[in-house]
């Protein structure tokens, strides 16, 4: 049975950090749902790219499809003000905390580890990475200058230039070790 993950996009998301995981995870056979934070499925990136999400996050909640039992992982792209918009969302925060409590995979890249995960306490006692300069916003966690860091059920990455490696790490966690490398080879990463 295919693993199922959700990526939450808010206005101001970073394009490469969202589209690369979407593409790679779908290539790997992971059922990935794009959820828009807002009232419509159309989400605008930090540079004006518009993406039509598969669903609106609040609609998934209303339909009972935001239950932790429905998902194997959640992905939070960075970008500004996208990360701040996600951090301001009570719905997103509640969902991330529930996923973490259930031991589900939590993935964040660029500014999102520091601006979204850390304020929720999800990085406490963990090793992590993020966009350079954002690590100062995080306390009670160990920042590493690595491109991708996996610590338990948390995967973090540095930024747009590491999005492919980030996506492959997510694939390895969901589909098994070495499965991300298969996708990396197919896309010449």
Foldseek 3Di string as FASTA:
>chain_A
DAAEEEEEWAAAFDVLLPVLLVVLCVVLVHHYFYEYADDAQWHAHNVGDIDRTPYHLVVCVVVVNLDLVNHQEYEYGDGPPGLVVLQPDPSNLVSVVNNVVVQGAYEYEALNCLRHVQVSVNQACEEEEHAPPSCVSHPNHHYDPDQWDDTRRYIYGYHSVSSLVSSLVVCCVRVHPPSSVVSCVVVVD
